[in-house]
Amino acid sequence: MNKKTNVTLRITQIKSPIGYRQRTWKTLEALGLKRMHHTVEQSDNPAIRGMIKSIEHLLKVEEVKD
């Protein structure tokens, strides 16, 4: 049997969304980010990856294996 390893993404906001459209602010909020240099951990799934892709210029993302 193949065991699937759980991968968690550590997401850090590294740039301010000031001057960007409201959709960007809402995406940051949906990811759980509240301020600059705030870090959250989210499970790795297509929905989270899509949100990250849309605002990747504001984020730093690292994979953490459990």
C-alpha atoms as a PDB file:
ATOM      1  CA  MET A   1       0.000   0.000   0.000  1.00  0.00           C
ATOM      2  CA  ASN A   2       1.095   3.501  -0.718  1.00  0.00           C
ATOM      3  CA  LYS A   3       0.980   5.863   2.209  1.00  0.00           C
ATOM      4  CA  LYS A   4       0.233   9.395   1.188  1.00  0.00           C
ATOM      5  CA  THR A   5       2.273  11.898   3.158  1.00  0.00           C
ATOM      6  CA  ASN A   6       0.420  14.889   4.473  1.00  0.00           C
ATOM      7  CA  VAL A   7       1.843  18.099   3.118  1.00  0.00           C
ATOM      8  CA  THR A   8       1.088  21.371   4.805  1.00  0.00           C
ATOM      9  CA  LEU A   9       1.796  24.761   3.285  1.00  0.00           C
ATOM     10  CA  ARG A  10       3.296  27.476   5.460  1.00  0.00           C
ATOM     11  CA  ILE A  11       2.100  30.755   3.940  1.00  0.00           C
ATOM     12  CA  THR A  12       3.561  34.128   4.934  1.00  0.00           C
ATOM     13  CA  GLN A  13       2.368  37.518   3.733  1.00  0.00           C
ATOM     14  CA  ILE A  14       5.456  39.474   2.643  1.00  0.00           C
ATOM     15  CA  LYS A  15       3.883  42.436   0.844  1.00  0.00           C
ATOM     16  CA  SER A  16       1.021  44.797   1.591  1.00  0.00           C
ATOM     17  CA  PRO A  17      -2.173  44.599  -0.462  1.00  0.00           C
ATOM     18  CA  ILE A  18      -2.607  48.391  -0.355  1.00  0.00           C
ATOM     19  CA  GLY A  19      -3.246  49.609  -3.883  1.00  0.00           C
ATOM     20  CA  TYR A  20      -4.538  46.242  -5.094  1.00  0.00           C
ATOM     21  CA  ARG A  21      -8.160  45.442  -5.887  1.00  0.00           C
ATOM     22  CA  GLN A  22     -10.601  44.282  -3.218  1.00  0.00           C
ATOM     23  CA  ARG A  23     -10.525  40.724  -4.551  1.00  0.00           C
ATOM     24  CA  THR A  24      -6.882  40.507  -3.439  1.00  0.00           C
ATOM     25  CA  TRP A  25      -7.807  41.607   0.086  1.00  0.00           C
ATOM     26  CA  LYS A  26     -10.590  39.012   0.221  1.00  0.00           C
ATOM     27  CA  THR A  27      -8.238  36.249  -0.912  1.00  0.00           C
ATOM     28  CA  LEU A  28      -5.747  37.130   1.836  1.00  0.00           C
ATOM     29  CA  GLU A  29      -8.591  37.077   4.337  1.00  0.00           C
ATOM     30  CA  ALA A  30      -9.780  33.684   3.057  1.00  0.00           C
ATOM     31  CA  LEU A  31      -6.276  32.272   3.528  1.00  0.00           C
ATOM     32  CA  GLY A  32      -6.329  33.516   7.135  1.00  0.00           C
ATOM     33  CA  LEU A  33      -3.696  36.212   6.731  1.00  0.00           C
ATOM     34  CA  LYS A  34      -4.335  39.373   8.716  1.00  0.00           C
ATOM     35  CA  ARG A  35      -1.196  41.518   8.500  1.00  0.00           C
ATOM     36  CA  MET A  36       2.344  41.747   7.137  1.00  0.00           C
ATOM     37  CA  HIS A  37       4.679  38.892   8.150  1.00  0.00           C
ATOM     38  CA  HIS A  38       1.749  36.884   9.508  1.00  0.00           C
ATOM     39  CA  THR A  39       2.165  33.144   8.897  1.00  0.00           C
ATOM     40  CA  VAL A  40      -0.534  30.481   8.664  1.00  0.00           C
ATOM     41  CA  GLU A  41      -0.453  26.788   7.859  1.00  0.00           C
ATOM     42  CA  GLN A  42      -2.995  25.379   5.421  1.00  0.00           C
ATOM     43  CA  SER A  43      -3.463  21.905   4.033  1.00  0.00           C
ATOM     44  CA  ASP A  44      -2.235  21.403   0.481  1.00  0.00           C
ATOM     45  CA  ASN A  45      -5.264  21.108  -1.809  1.00  0.00           C
ATOM     46  CA  PRO A  46      -6.288  22.556  -5.181  1.00  0.00           C
ATOM     47  CA  ALA A  47      -8.457  25.317  -3.664  1.00  0.00           C
ATOM     48  CA  ILE A  48      -5.622  26.671  -1.519  1.00  0.00           C
ATOM     49  CA  ARG A  49      -3.155  26.348  -4.412  1.00  0.00           C
ATOM     50  CA  GLY A  50      -5.519  28.390  -6.611  1.00  0.00           C
ATOM     51  CA  MET A  51      -5.767  31.164  -4.035  1.00  0.00           C
ATOM     52  CA  ILE A  52      -1.989  31.230  -3.673  1.00  0.00           C
ATOM     53  CA  LYS A  53      -1.538  31.368  -7.455  1.00  0.00           C
ATOM     54  CA  SER A  54      -3.810  34.399  -7.747  1.00  0.00           C
ATOM     55  CA  ILE A  55      -1.804  36.476  -5.229  1.00  0.00           C
ATOM     56  CA  GLU A  56       1.624  34.817  -5.318  1.00  0.00           C
ATOM     57  CA  HIS A  57       3.336  38.218  -5.633  1.00  0.00           C
ATOM     58  CA  LEU A  58       2.274  39.003  -2.025  1.00  0.00           C
ATOM     59  CA  LEU A  59       3.218  35.669  -0.437  1.00  0.00           C
ATOM     60  CA  LYS A  60       6.066  33.364   0.505  1.00  0.00           C
ATOM     61  CA  VAL A  61       5.071  29.691   0.493  1.00  0.00           C
ATOM     62  CA  GLU A  62       6.961  26.739   1.988  1.00  0.00           C
ATOM     63  CA  GLU A  63       5.998  23.063   2.015  1.00  0.00           C
ATOM     64  CA  VAL A  64       6.119  21.341   5.392  1.00  0.00           C
ATOM     65  CA  LYS A  65       5.884  17.553   5.513  1.00  0.00           C
ATOM     66  CA  ASP A  66       4.228  16.024   8.562  1.00  0.00           C
END
